[in-house]
PDB file of N, CA and C in Angstrom:
ATOM      1  N   MET A   1       0.847  -1.180   0.000  1.00  0.00           N
ATOM      2  CA  MET A   1       0.000   0.000   0.000  1.00  0.00           C
ATOM      3  C   MET A   1       0.885   1.233   0.000  1.00  0.00           C
ATOM      4  N   THR A   2       0.410   2.198  -0.738  1.00  0.00           N
ATOM      5  CA  THR A   2       1.166   3.438  -0.842  1.00  0.00           C
ATOM      6  C   THR A   2       0.697   4.435   0.207  1.00  0.00           C
ATOM      7  N   GLY A   3       1.492   5.457   0.411  1.00  0.00           N
ATOM      8  CA  GLY A   3       1.147   6.501   1.372  1.00  0.00           C
ATOM      9  C   GLY A   3      -0.189   7.162   1.072  1.00  0.00           C
ATOM     10  N   PRO A   4      -0.446   7.548  -0.190  1.00  0.00           N
ATOM     11  CA  PRO A   4      -1.739   8.163  -0.497  1.00  0.00           C
ATOM     12  C   PRO A   4      -2.935   7.237  -0.239  1.00  0.00           C
ATOM     13  N   MET A   5      -2.742   5.931  -0.440  1.00  0.00           N
ATOM     14  CA  MET A   5      -3.826   4.981  -0.176  1.00  0.00           C
ATOM     15  C   MET A   5      -4.146   4.940   1.314  1.00  0.00           C
ATOM     16  N   VAL A   6      -3.093   4.927   2.145  1.00  0.00           N
ATOM     17  CA  VAL A   6      -3.279   4.903   3.592  1.00  0.00           C
ATOM     18  C   VAL A   6      -3.945   6.188   4.045  1.00  0.00           C
ATOM     19  N   THR A   7      -3.507   7.321   3.493  1.00  0.00           N
ATOM     20  CA  THR A   7      -4.093   8.619   3.839  1.00  0.00           C
ATOM     21  C   THR A   7      -5.565   8.658   3.465  1.00  0.00           C
ATOM     22  N   ASP A   8      -5.897   8.165   2.275  1.00  0.00           N
ATOM     23  CA  ASP A   8      -7.294   8.145   1.825  1.00  0.00           C
ATOM     24  C   ASP A   8      -8.147   7.275   2.744  1.00  0.00           C
ATOM     25  N   MET A   9      -7.638   6.117   3.125  1.00  0.00           N
ATOM     26  CA  MET A   9      -8.381   5.224   4.019  1.00  0.00           C
ATOM     27  C   MET A   9      -8.552   5.850   5.399  1.00  0.00           C
ATOM     28  N   ALA A  10      -7.524   6.516   5.890  1.00  0.00           N
ATOM     29  CA  ALA A  10      -7.613   7.163   7.204  1.00  0.00           C
ATOM     30  C   ALA A  10      -8.642   8.289   7.178  1.00  0.00           C
ATOM     31  N   GLU A  11      -8.662   9.071   6.094  1.00  0.00           N
ATOM     32  CA  GLU A  11      -9.643  10.156   5.965  1.00  0.00           C
ATOM     33  C   GLU A  11     -11.065   9.610   5.957  1.00  0.00           C
ATOM     34  N   LYS A  12     -11.278   8.514   5.247  1.00  0.00           N
ATOM     35  CA  LYS A  12     -12.608   7.904   5.205  1.00  0.00           C
ATOM     36  C   LYS A  12     -13.003   7.351   6.569  1.00  0.00           C
ATOM     37  N   ALA A  13     -12.054   6.765   7.275  1.00  0.00           N
ATOM     38  CA  ALA A  13     -12.342   6.235   8.612  1.00  0.00           C
ATOM     39  C   ALA A  13     -12.705   7.371   9.562  1.00  0.00           C
ATOM     40  N   ILE A  14     -12.003   8.483   9.471  1.00  0.00           N
ATOM     41  CA  ILE A  14     -12.291   9.643  10.325  1.00  0.00           C
ATOM     42  C   ILE A  14     -13.682  10.176  10.024  1.00  0.00           C
ATOM     43  N   LYS A  15     -14.033  10.280   8.744  1.00  0.00           N
ATOM     44  CA  LYS A  15     -15.381  10.742   8.378  1.00  0.00           C
ATOM     45  C   LYS A  15     -16.441   9.792   8.911  1.00  0.00           C
ATOM     46  N   GLY A  16     -16.164   8.500   8.882  1.00  0.00           N
ATOM     47  CA  GLY A  16     -17.106   7.517   9.412  1.00  0.00           C
ATOM     48  C   GLY A  16     -17.307   7.674  10.907  1.00  0.00           C
ATOM     49  N   VAL A  17     -16.219   7.912  11.630  1.00  0.00           N
ATOM     50  CA  VAL A  17     -16.312   8.116  13.080  1.00  0.00           C
ATOM     51  C   VAL A  17     -17.069   9.407  13.378  1.00  0.00           C
ATOM     52  N   GLU A  18     -16.795  10.466  12.615  1.00  0.00           N
ATOM     53  CA  GLU A  18     -17.505  11.736  12.809  1.00  0.00           C
ATOM     54  C   GLU A  18     -19.002  11.568  12.547  1.00  0.00           C
ATOM     55  N   LEU A  19     -19.353  10.804  11.512  1.00  0.00           N
ATOM     56  CA  LEU A  19     -20.759  10.560  11.200  1.00  0.00           C
ATOM     57  C   LEU A  19     -21.427   9.768  12.314  1.00  0.00           C
ATOM     58  N   ALA A  20     -20.749   8.752  12.815  1.00  0.00           N
ATOM     59  CA  ALA A  20     -21.300   7.964  13.917  1.00  0.00           C
ATOM     60  C   ALA A  20     -21.489   8.833  15.155  1.00  0.00           C
ATOM     61  N   ASP A  21     -20.552   9.729  15.406  1.00  0.00           N
ATOM     62  CA  ASP A  21     -20.666  10.635  16.548  1.00  0.00           C
ATOM     63  C   ASP A  21     -21.862  11.566  16.369  1.00  0.00           C
ATOM     64  N   SER A  22     -22.061  12.061  15.168  1.00  0.00           N
ATOM     65  CA  SER A  22     -23.225  12.923  14.894  1.00  0.00           C
ATOM     66  C   SER A  22     -24.523  12.164  15.136  1.00  0.00           C
ATOM     67  N   PHE A  23     -24.577  10.915  14.686  1.00  0.00           N
ATOM     68  CA  PHE A  23     -25.766  10.087  14.918  1.00  0.00           C
ATOM     69  C   PHE A  23     -26.078   9.982  16.404  1.00  0.00           C
ATOM     70  N   VAL A  24     -25.057   9.703  17.188  1.00  0.00           N
ATOM     71  CA  VAL A  24     -25.253   9.533  18.629  1.00  0.00           C
ATOM     72  C   VAL A  24     -25.694  10.854  19.260  1.00  0.00           C
ATOM     73  N   GLN A  25     -25.047  11.956  18.883  1.00  0.00           N
ATOM     74  CA  GLN A  25     -25.392  13.254  19.455  1.00  0.00           C
ATOM     75  C   GLN A  25     -26.815  13.680  19.106  1.00  0.00           C
ATOM     76  N   LEU A  26     -27.285  13.299  17.928  1.00  0.00           N
ATOM     77  CA  LEU A  26     -28.643  13.658  17.504  1.00  0.00           C
ATOM     78  C   LEU A  26     -29.695  12.697  18.053  1.00  0.00           C
ATOM     79  N   GLY A  27     -29.275  11.706  18.817  1.00  0.00           N
ATOM     80  CA  GLY A  27     -30.216  10.770  19.420  1.00  0.00           C
ATOM     81  C   GLY A  27     -30.699   9.700  18.464  1.00  0.00           C
ATOM     82  N   ALA A  28     -29.879   9.379  17.470  1.00  0.00           N
ATOM     83  CA  ALA A  28     -30.288   8.412  16.458  1.00  0.00           C
ATOM     84  C   ALA A  28     -30.558   7.027  17.039  1.00  0.00           C
ATOM     85  N   ILE A  29     -29.820   6.657  18.066  1.00  0.00           N
ATOM     86  CA  ILE A  29     -30.010   5.317  18.632  1.00  0.00           C
ATOM     87  C   ILE A  29     -31.401   5.199  19.236  1.00  0.00           C
ATOM     88  N   ASP A  30     -31.796   6.187  20.034  1.00  0.00           N
ATOM     89  CA  ASP A  30     -33.144   6.172  20.617  1.00  0.00           C
ATOM     90  C   ASP A  30     -34.212   6.312  19.545  1.00  0.00           C
ATOM     91  N   LEU A  31     -33.932   7.149  18.536  1.00  0.00           N
ATOM     92  CA  LEU A  31     -34.888   7.357  17.453  1.00  0.00           C
ATOM     93  C   LEU A  31     -35.128   6.062  16.681  1.00  0.00           C
ATOM     94  N   VAL A  32     -34.057   5.395  16.315  1.00  0.00           N
ATOM     95  CA  VAL A  32     -34.182   4.140  15.561  1.00  0.00           C
ATOM     96  C   VAL A  32     -34.868   3.078  16.409  1.00  0.00           C
ATOM     97  N   ASP A  33     -34.510   3.014  17.679  1.00  0.00           N
ATOM     98  CA  ASP A  33     -35.151   2.048  18.573  1.00  0.00           C
ATOM     99  C   ASP A  33     -36.654   2.311  18.643  1.00  0.00           C
ATOM    100  N   GLY A  34     -37.032   3.571  18.791  1.00  0.00           N
ATOM    101  CA  GLY A  34     -38.453   3.918  18.846  1.00  0.00           C
ATOM    102  C   GLY A  34     -39.174   3.600  17.544  1.00  0.00           C
ATOM    103  N   MET A  35     -38.515   3.884  16.414  1.00  0.00           N
ATOM    104  CA  MET A  35     -39.126   3.602  15.115  1.00  0.00           C
ATOM    105  C   MET A  35     -39.310   2.101  14.913  1.00  0.00           C
ATOM    106  N   LEU A  36     -38.305   1.328  15.287  1.00  0.00           N
ATOM    107  CA  LEU A  36     -38.413  -0.130  15.137  1.00  0.00           C
ATOM    108  C   LEU A  36     -39.496  -0.695  16.041  1.00  0.00           C
ATOM    109  N   THR A  37     -39.595  -0.170  17.256  1.00  0.00           N
ATOM    110  CA  THR A  37     -40.635  -0.620  18.177  1.00  0.00           C
ATOM    111  C   THR A  37     -42.014  -0.281  17.628  1.00  0.00           C
ATOM    112  N   ALA A  38     -42.171   0.947  17.117  1.00  0.00           N
ATOM    113  CA  ALA A  38     -43.457   1.357  16.541  1.00  0.00           C
ATOM    114  C   ALA A  38     -43.821   0.487  15.346  1.00  0.00           C
ATOM    115  N   PHE A  39     -42.840   0.195  14.494  1.00  0.00           N
ATOM    116  CA  PHE A  39     -43.099  -0.647  13.328  1.00  0.00           C
ATOM    117  C   PHE A  39     -43.481  -2.059  13.760  1.00  0.00           C
ATOM    118  N   HIS A  40     -42.765  -2.599  14.735  1.00  0.00           N
ATOM    119  CA  HIS A  40     -43.075  -3.939  15.238  1.00  0.00           C
ATOM    120  C   HIS A  40     -44.492  -3.976  15.825  1.00  0.00           C
ATOM    121  N   ASN A  41     -44.829  -2.964  16.628  1.00  0.00           N
ATOM    122  CA  ASN A  41     -46.176  -2.901  17.209  1.00  0.00           C
ATOM    123  C   ASN A  41     -47.241  -2.825  16.130  1.00  0.00           C
ATOM    124  N   ALA A  42     -46.977  -2.030  15.086  1.00  0.00           N
ATOM    125  CA  ALA A  42     -47.934  -1.912  13.985  1.00  0.00           C
ATOM    126  C   ALA A  42     -48.108  -3.248  13.270  1.00  0.00           C
ATOM    127  N   GLN A  43     -47.006  -3.968  13.092  1.00  0.00           N
ATOM    128  CA  GLN A  43     -47.098  -5.283  12.466  1.00  0.00           C
ATOM    129  C   GLN A  43     -47.949  -6.226  13.306  1.00  0.00           C
ATOM    130  N   GLU A  44     -47.721  -6.212  14.602  1.00  0.00           N
ATOM    131  CA  GLU A  44     -48.476  -7.095  15.500  1.00  0.00           C
ATOM    132  C   GLU A  44     -49.960  -6.727  15.522  1.00  0.00           C
ATOM    133  N   GLU A  45     -50.258  -5.421  15.530  1.00  0.00           N
ATOM    134  CA  GLU A  45     -51.649  -4.968  15.576  1.00  0.00           C
ATOM    135  C   GLU A  45     -52.415  -5.313  14.307  1.00  0.00           C
ATOM    136  N   THR A  46     -51.727  -5.356  13.172  1.00  0.00           N
ATOM    137  CA  THR A  46     -52.412  -5.587  11.899  1.00  0.00           C
ATOM    138  C   THR A  46     -52.282  -7.021  11.400  1.00  0.00           C
ATOM    139  N   LYS A  47     -51.574  -7.839  12.144  1.00  0.00           N
ATOM    140  CA  LYS A  47     -51.368  -9.231  11.743  1.00  0.00           C
ATOM    141  C   LYS A  47     -52.712  -9.938  11.627  1.00  0.00           C
ATOM    142  N   ASP A  48     -52.921 -10.607  10.523  1.00  0.00           N
ATOM    143  CA  ASP A  48     -54.139 -11.383  10.261  1.00  0.00           C
ATOM    144  C   ASP A  48     -55.409 -10.525  10.260  1.00  0.00           C
ATOM    145  N   LYS A  49     -55.273  -9.243   9.969  1.00  0.00           N
ATOM    146  CA  LYS A  49     -56.447  -8.364   9.867  1.00  0.00           C
ATOM    147  C   LYS A  49     -56.619  -7.904   8.434  1.00  0.00           C
ATOM    148  N   GLU A  50     -57.844  -7.615   8.088  1.00  0.00           N
ATOM    149  CA  GLU A  50     -58.144  -7.058   6.766  1.00  0.00           C
ATOM    150  C   GLU A  50     -57.682  -5.597   6.727  1.00  0.00           C
ATOM    151  N   PRO A  51     -57.322  -5.106   5.540  1.00  0.00           N
ATOM    152  CA  PRO A  51     -56.983  -3.681   5.433  1.00  0.00           C
ATOM    153  C   PRO A  51     -58.192  -2.821   5.828  1.00  0.00           C
ATOM    154  N   LEU A  52     -57.902  -1.605   6.287  1.00  0.00           N
ATOM    155  CA  LEU A  52     -58.991  -0.698   6.669  1.00  0.00           C
ATOM    156  C   LEU A  52     -59.835  -0.341   5.461  1.00  0.00           C
ATOM    157  N   SER A  53     -61.124  -0.196   5.698  1.00  0.00           N
ATOM    158  CA  SER A  53     -62.017   0.258   4.635  1.00  0.00           C
ATOM    159  C   SER A  53     -61.825   1.760   4.447  1.00  0.00           C
ATOM    160  N   SER A  54     -62.421   2.289   3.401  1.00  0.00           N
ATOM    161  CA  SER A  54     -62.336   3.731   3.151  1.00  0.00           C
ATOM    162  C   SER A  54     -62.894   4.528   4.317  1.00  0.00           C
ATOM    163  N   MET A  55     -63.999   4.071   4.869  1.00  0.00           N
ATOM    164  CA  MET A  55     -64.598   4.783   5.999  1.00  0.00           C
ATOM    165  C   MET A  55     -63.705   4.700   7.234  1.00  0.00           C
ATOM    166  N   GLN A  56     -63.090   3.548   7.470  1.00  0.00           N
ATOM    167  CA  GLN A  56     -62.188   3.401   8.604  1.00  0.00           C
ATOM    168  C   GLN A  56     -60.955   4.291   8.436  1.00  0.00           C
ATOM    169  N   LEU A  57     -60.477   4.410   7.200  1.00  0.00           N
ATOM    170  CA  LEU A  57     -59.347   5.297   6.938  1.00  0.00           C
ATOM    171  C   LEU A  57     -59.716   6.752   7.224  1.00  0.00           C
ATOM    172  N   MET A  58     -60.904   7.152   6.787  1.00  0.00           N
ATOM    173  CA  MET A  58     -61.355   8.524   7.030  1.00  0.00           C
ATOM    174  C   MET A  58     -61.462   8.781   8.537  1.00  0.00           C
ATOM    175  N   LYS A  59     -61.969   7.812   9.272  1.00  0.00           N
ATOM    176  CA  LYS A  59     -62.092   7.965  10.717  1.00  0.00           C
ATOM    177  C   LYS A  59     -60.710   8.052  11.362  1.00  0.00           C
ATOM    178  N   ALA A  60     -59.770   7.249  10.875  1.00  0.00           N
ATOM    179  CA  ALA A  60     -58.416   7.260  11.422  1.00  0.00           C
ATOM    180  C   ALA A  60     -57.754   8.622  11.226  1.00  0.00           C
ATOM    181  N   VAL A  61     -58.029   9.281  10.114  1.00  0.00           N
ATOM    182  CA  VAL A  61     -57.435  10.587   9.828  1.00  0.00           C
ATOM    183  C   VAL A  61     -57.918  11.642  10.823  1.00  0.00           C
ATOM    184  N   THR A  62     -59.076  11.437  11.408  1.00  0.00           N
ATOM    185  CA  THR A  62     -59.583  12.416  12.369  1.00  0.00           C
ATOM    186  C   THR A  62     -58.979  12.235  13.759  1.00  0.00           C
ATOM    187  N   GLN A  63     -58.270  11.138  13.985  1.00  0.00           N
ATOM    188  CA  GLN A  63     -57.662  10.897  15.291  1.00  0.00           C
ATOM    189  C   GLN A  63     -56.383  11.713  15.442  1.00  0.00           C
ATOM    190  N   LYS A  64     -56.190  12.267  16.639  1.00  0.00           N
ATOM    191  CA  LYS A  64     -55.049  13.137  16.906  1.00  0.00           C
ATOM    192  C   LYS A  64     -53.718  12.442  16.624  1.00  0.00           C
ATOM    193  N   GLU A  65     -53.579  11.200  17.067  1.00  0.00           N
ATOM    194  CA  GLU A  65     -52.321  10.479  16.882  1.00  0.00           C
ATOM    195  C   GLU A  65     -51.990  10.315  15.403  1.00  0.00           C
ATOM    196  N   THR A  66     -53.002  10.013  14.603  1.00  0.00           N
ATOM    197  CA  THR A  66     -52.794   9.843  13.168  1.00  0.00           C
ATOM    198  C   THR A  66     -52.353  11.162  12.551  1.00  0.00           C
ATOM    199  N   ARG A  67     -53.023  12.247  12.924  1.00  0.00           N
ATOM    200  CA  ARG A  67     -52.663  13.562  12.383  1.00  0.00           C
ATOM    201  C   ARG A  67     -51.251  13.964  12.804  1.00  0.00           C
ATOM    202  N   GLU A  68     -50.865  13.639  14.041  1.00  0.00           N
ATOM    203  CA  GLU A  68     -49.508  13.953  14.494  1.00  0.00           C
ATOM    204  C   GLU A  68     -48.476  13.194  13.658  1.00  0.00           C
ATOM    205  N   GLY A  69     -48.730  11.922  13.421  1.00  0.00           N
ATOM    206  CA  GLY A  69     -47.815  11.119  12.611  1.00  0.00           C
ATOM    207  C   GLY A  69     -47.741  11.619  11.181  1.00  0.00           C
ATOM    208  N   MET A  70     -48.884  11.966  10.614  1.00  0.00           N
ATOM    209  CA  MET A  70     -48.905  12.467   9.243  1.00  0.00           C
ATOM    210  C   MET A  70     -48.208  13.821   9.147  1.00  0.00           C
ATOM    211  N   THR A  71     -48.391  14.673  10.146  1.00  0.00           N
ATOM    212  CA  THR A  71     -47.725  15.974  10.162  1.00  0.00           C
ATOM    213  C   THR A  71     -46.206  15.793  10.211  1.00  0.00           C
ATOM    214  N   LEU A  72     -45.743  14.857  11.042  1.00  0.00           N
ATOM    215  CA  LEU A  72     -44.313  14.577  11.132  1.00  0.00           C
ATOM    216  C   LEU A  72     -43.776  14.082   9.793  1.00  0.00           C
ATOM    217  N   MET A  73     -44.490  13.155   9.158  1.00  0.00           N
ATOM    218  CA  MET A  73     -44.032  12.610   7.877  1.00  0.00           C
ATOM    219  C   MET A  73     -44.020  13.680   6.785  1.00  0.00           C
ATOM    220  N   ILE A  74     -45.019  14.540   6.754  1.00  0.00           N
ATOM    221  CA  ILE A  74     -45.065  15.603   5.742  1.00  0.00           C
ATOM    222  C   ILE A  74     -43.919  16.580   5.965  1.00  0.00           C
ATOM    223  N   SER A  75     -43.670  16.939   7.221  1.00  0.00           N
ATOM    224  CA  SER A  75     -42.552  17.833   7.522  1.00  0.00           C
ATOM    225  C   SER A  75     -41.228  17.197   7.109  1.00  0.00           C
ATOM    226  N   PHE A  76     -41.076  15.906   7.391  1.00  0.00           N
ATOM    227  CA  PHE A  76     -39.870  15.181   6.980  1.00  0.00           C
ATOM    228  C   PHE A  76     -39.698  15.236   5.469  1.00  0.00           C
ATOM    229  N   LEU A  77     -40.776  14.962   4.732  1.00  0.00           N
ATOM    230  CA  LEU A  77     -40.697  14.971   3.274  1.00  0.00           C
ATOM    231  C   LEU A  77     -40.384  16.359   2.729  1.00  0.00           C
ATOM    232  N   GLN A  78     -40.879  17.403   3.392  1.00  0.00           N
ATOM    233  CA  GLN A  78     -40.590  18.763   2.955  1.00  0.00           C
ATOM    234  C   GLN A  78     -39.145  19.149   3.230  1.00  0.00           C
ATOM    235  N   ASN A  79     -38.591  18.644   4.316  1.00  0.00           N
ATOM    236  CA  ASN A  79     -37.212  18.981   4.678  1.00  0.00           C
ATOM    237  C   ASN A  79     -36.169  18.134   3.968  1.00  0.00           C
ATOM    238  N   LEU A  80     -36.547  16.959   3.525  1.00  0.00           N
ATOM    239  CA  LEU A  80     -35.597  16.035   2.906  1.00  0.00           C
ATOM    240  C   LEU A  80     -34.858  16.639   1.711  1.00  0.00           C
ATOM    241  N   PRO A  81     -35.532  17.237   0.737  1.00  0.00           N
ATOM    242  CA  PRO A  81     -34.802  17.798  -0.409  1.00  0.00           C
ATOM    243  C   PRO A  81     -33.844  18.912   0.000  1.00  0.00           C
ATOM    244  N   LYS A  82     -34.221  19.705   0.996  1.00  0.00           N
ATOM    245  CA  LYS A  82     -33.334  20.783   1.445  1.00  0.00           C
ATOM    246  C   LYS A  82     -32.012  20.214   1.931  1.00  0.00           C
ATOM    247  N   GLN A  83     -32.079  19.100   2.664  1.00  0.00           N
ATOM    248  CA  GLN A  83     -30.859  18.490   3.204  1.00  0.00           C
ATOM    249  C   GLN A  83     -30.069  17.747   2.140  1.00  0.00           C
ATOM    250  N   LEU A  84     -30.768  17.115   1.209  1.00  0.00           N
ATOM    251  CA  LEU A  84     -30.089  16.354   0.178  1.00  0.00           C
ATOM    252  C   LEU A  84     -29.429  17.244  -0.869  1.00  0.00           C
ATOM    253  N   ASN A  85     -29.961  18.447  -1.047  1.00  0.00           N
ATOM    254  CA  ASN A  85     -29.430  19.362  -2.079  1.00  0.00           C
ATOM    255  C   ASN A  85     -28.415  20.348  -1.532  1.00  0.00           C
ATOM    256  N   LYS A  86     -27.905  20.107  -0.324  1.00  0.00           N
ATOM    257  CA  LYS A  86     -26.878  21.005   0.245  1.00  0.00           C
ATOM    258  C   LYS A  86     -25.594  20.907  -0.531  1.00  0.00           C
TER     259      LYS A  86
END
């Protein structure tokens, strides 16, 4: 291995450590754990059930929890391009 190859690998390793540190500082571990738990719970709740009817979907949209989740997802989708196009 040449010196530039070692330098390039070290730079990439440092960036990886910095990214992991950012994840931890932003609470990514708790966030991912919460998301996985929510997804698992949703899977368990809907296991062996028929999909919601149109009327059930409309009723679900009126529930506060559903609106909070949808608001979060819409905000995420609106912010995503801003972060990706930096």
